[in-house]
Protein backbone atom coordinates (compact mmCIF):
# COMPACT_ATOMS: atom_id res chain seq x y z
CA MET A 1 25.71 -51.90 -88.25
CA TYR A 2 26.67 -51.57 -84.55
CA ASN A 3 28.44 -48.16 -85.48
CA ILE A 4 25.84 -46.68 -86.80
CA TYR A 5 22.51 -48.38 -85.29
CA LEU A 6 23.40 -49.46 -82.12
CA SER A 7 26.09 -46.79 -80.70
CA SER A 8 25.79 -43.20 -79.46
CA ASN A 9 26.07 -42.48 -83.75
CA SER A 10 22.22 -43.81 -83.86
CA THR A 11 20.95 -40.37 -83.12
CA THR A 12 23.32 -38.43 -84.99
CA LEU A 13 23.63 -40.55 -88.20
CA ALA A 14 20.63 -43.12 -88.49
CA GLU A 15 18.00 -40.86 -87.11
CA PRO A 16 18.38 -37.90 -89.54
CA LEU A 17 19.37 -40.26 -92.53
CA TYR A 18 17.11 -43.19 -92.01
CA ILE A 19 14.04 -42.27 -89.52
CA LEU A 20 13.36 -38.70 -89.82
CA PRO A 21 12.80 -38.66 -93.35
CA THR A 22 10.25 -41.33 -93.05
CA SER A 23 7.57 -39.87 -91.28
CA ALA A 24 6.53 -36.69 -89.26
CA ASN A 25 4.93 -38.72 -86.95
CA PRO A 26 6.47 -39.19 -83.53
CA PHE A 27 5.06 -42.98 -83.04
CA ALA A 28 6.07 -43.88 -86.21
CA ARG A 29 9.51 -42.58 -86.44
CA LEU A 30 10.00 -44.40 -82.82
CA THR A 31 9.02 -47.71 -84.21
CA ILE A 32 11.06 -47.51 -87.29
CA ALA A 33 13.73 -46.27 -85.02
CA ARG A 34 13.39 -49.62 -82.76
CA GLU A 35 13.06 -51.79 -85.72
CA LEU A 36 16.07 -50.62 -87.28
CA ARG A 37 18.16 -51.04 -83.65
CA HIS A 38 16.53 -54.59 -83.30
CA ALA A 39 17.49 -55.65 -86.92
CA ALA A 40 21.02 -54.60 -86.69
CA GLU A 41 21.10 -56.43 -83.53
CA ASN A 42 19.59 -59.52 -85.00
CA GLU A 43 21.97 -59.59 -87.68
CA LEU A 44 24.94 -59.10 -85.76
CA LEU A 45 23.77 -61.99 -83.30
CA LYS A 46 24.12 -64.32 -86.26
CA PHE A 47 27.76 -64.31 -85.69
CA SER A 48 28.09 -63.94 -82.00
CA ALA A 49 26.25 -64.91 -79.17
CA ILE A 50 26.30 -61.52 -77.63
CA VAL A 51 27.03 -58.28 -79.21
CA ASP A 52 30.34 -57.18 -77.79
CA ALA A 53 31.14 -53.57 -79.21
CA GLU A 54 34.92 -53.71 -78.27
CA GLU A 55 35.32 -56.90 -80.09
CA LEU A 56 33.45 -55.28 -83.07
CA TYR A 57 35.61 -52.58 -83.18
CA ARG A 58 39.15 -55.07 -82.76
CA GLN A 59 37.79 -57.05 -85.63
CA ALA A 60 37.02 -53.79 -87.68
CA GLU A 61 40.77 -52.67 -86.90
CA GLU A 62 41.99 -56.08 -88.51
CA ALA A 63 39.76 -55.64 -91.23
CA PHE A 64 41.25 -52.33 -92.11
CA GLU A 65 44.54 -53.71 -91.59
CA ALA A 66 44.24 -56.70 -94.05
CA LEU A 67 42.42 -54.33 -96.51
CA GLU A 68 45.45 -52.07 -96.39
CA THR A 69 47.94 -54.99 -96.99
CA ALA A 70 45.89 -56.31 -99.66
CA LEU A 71 46.10 -52.75 -101.28
CA GLY A 72 49.82 -52.58 -100.90
CA LYS A 73 51.52 -49.69 -102.47
CA ASP A 74 49.10 -50.11 -105.47
CA SER A 75 46.59 -47.39 -106.43
CA TRP A 76 43.72 -50.33 -107.09
CA PHE A 77 43.26 -53.59 -105.45
CA PHE A 78 44.78 -56.44 -107.30
CA GLY A 79 47.02 -54.52 -108.91
CA ALA A 80 44.47 -53.61 -111.78
CA SER A 81 45.09 -50.76 -113.95
CA LYS A 82 41.46 -49.18 -112.77
CA PRO A 83 39.33 -49.31 -110.08
CA GLY A 84 37.06 -52.57 -110.02
CA LEU A 85 34.10 -53.76 -107.87
CA PHE A 86 36.24 -54.67 -105.13
CA ASP A 87 37.76 -50.91 -104.92
CA ALA A 88 33.85 -49.75 -105.12
CA SER A 89 32.72 -51.82 -102.37
CA VAL A 90 35.82 -50.60 -100.34
CA PHE A 91 35.10 -47.20 -101.17
CA SER A 92 31.46 -47.51 -100.16
CA TYR A 93 32.51 -48.04 -96.41
CA THR A 94 35.79 -45.79 -96.52
CA HIS A 95 33.97 -42.77 -97.91
CA LEU A 96 30.91 -43.02 -95.57
CA LEU A 97 33.59 -42.89 -92.43
CA MET A 98 35.36 -40.24 -94.16
CA ASP A 99 32.58 -38.05 -95.52
CA ASP A 100 33.28 -34.41 -94.26
CA ASN A 101 29.30 -33.91 -94.17
CA LEU A 102 28.93 -36.69 -92.26
CA GLY A 103 31.73 -35.97 -90.03
CA GLN A 104 29.81 -34.22 -87.26
CA GLY A 105 27.33 -37.12 -86.72
CA TRP A 106 30.27 -39.28 -85.83
CA VAL A 107 29.77 -39.20 -81.93
CA ASP A 108 31.66 -42.22 -81.48
CA THR A 109 34.67 -42.01 -83.76
CA ARG A 110 36.39 -45.50 -83.07
CA LEU A 111 35.68 -46.85 -86.54
CA ARG A 112 36.71 -43.41 -88.07
CA ASP A 113 39.75 -42.95 -86.03
CA ALA A 114 40.93 -46.73 -87.12
CA LEU A 115 40.48 -46.07 -90.70
CA LEU A 116 42.14 -42.65 -90.70
CA LYS A 117 45.26 -44.42 -89.24
CA ARG A 118 45.59 -46.29 -92.81
CA LYS A 119 46.96 -44.00 -95.02
CA SER A 120 46.62 -46.44 -97.97
CA LEU A 121 42.90 -46.78 -97.64
CA THR A 122 42.46 -43.20 -97.19
CA ASN A 123 44.36 -42.52 -100.15
CA HIS A 124 42.50 -45.18 -102.14
CA ARG A 125 39.20 -43.27 -101.35
CA ASP A 126 40.68 -39.80 -102.16
CA ARG A 127 41.66 -41.20 -105.43
CA ILE A 128 38.24 -42.25 -106.10
CA VAL A 129 36.48 -39.12 -105.12
CA THR A 130 39.03 -37.09 -107.16
CA SER A 131 38.46 -39.42 -110.18
CA TYR A 132 34.93 -39.91 -110.12
CA PHE A 133 33.03 -37.41 -107.86
CA PRO A 134 34.49 -34.11 -108.74
CA ILE A 135 33.63 -31.12 -106.31
CA SER A 136 32.04 -27.96 -107.77
CA ASN A 137 33.45 -24.48 -106.57
CA LYS A 138 30.76 -24.51 -104.03
CA GLY A 139 32.12 -27.66 -102.61
CA GLU A 140 29.13 -29.97 -103.52
CA PHE A 141 29.79 -32.99 -105.79
CA LEU A 142 29.01 -32.73 -109.37
CA GLN A 143 26.13 -34.58 -111.00
């Protein structure tokens, strides 16, 4: 939440993905942007008295480390023979961070960089993309 709605990524990711498509009215967009930031901040404040970016990034790095340890050398979490719900949940986050179409939207790359250091997790994401989201010869996902 912090990385998309409250960091400098807000204008390069949240705005084009969530705010601009909602309305052409600049006042409506401004209100929606404010509400998104406020909601993200309130959600984060449920877990801490203040929103501390450095602490959030430290915790994210710890989470990536724990996920990589849980995955180990297996292809899928918990040693499963095929991906399960937990694999899909992890993929939903790792793909967002690694998606080349969003790559230029990541002004603050700390979270992305922390993930890219975790080869087991990045390989996990790549396996899912390759297996379940084949790319056309135009570089687009096939439907």
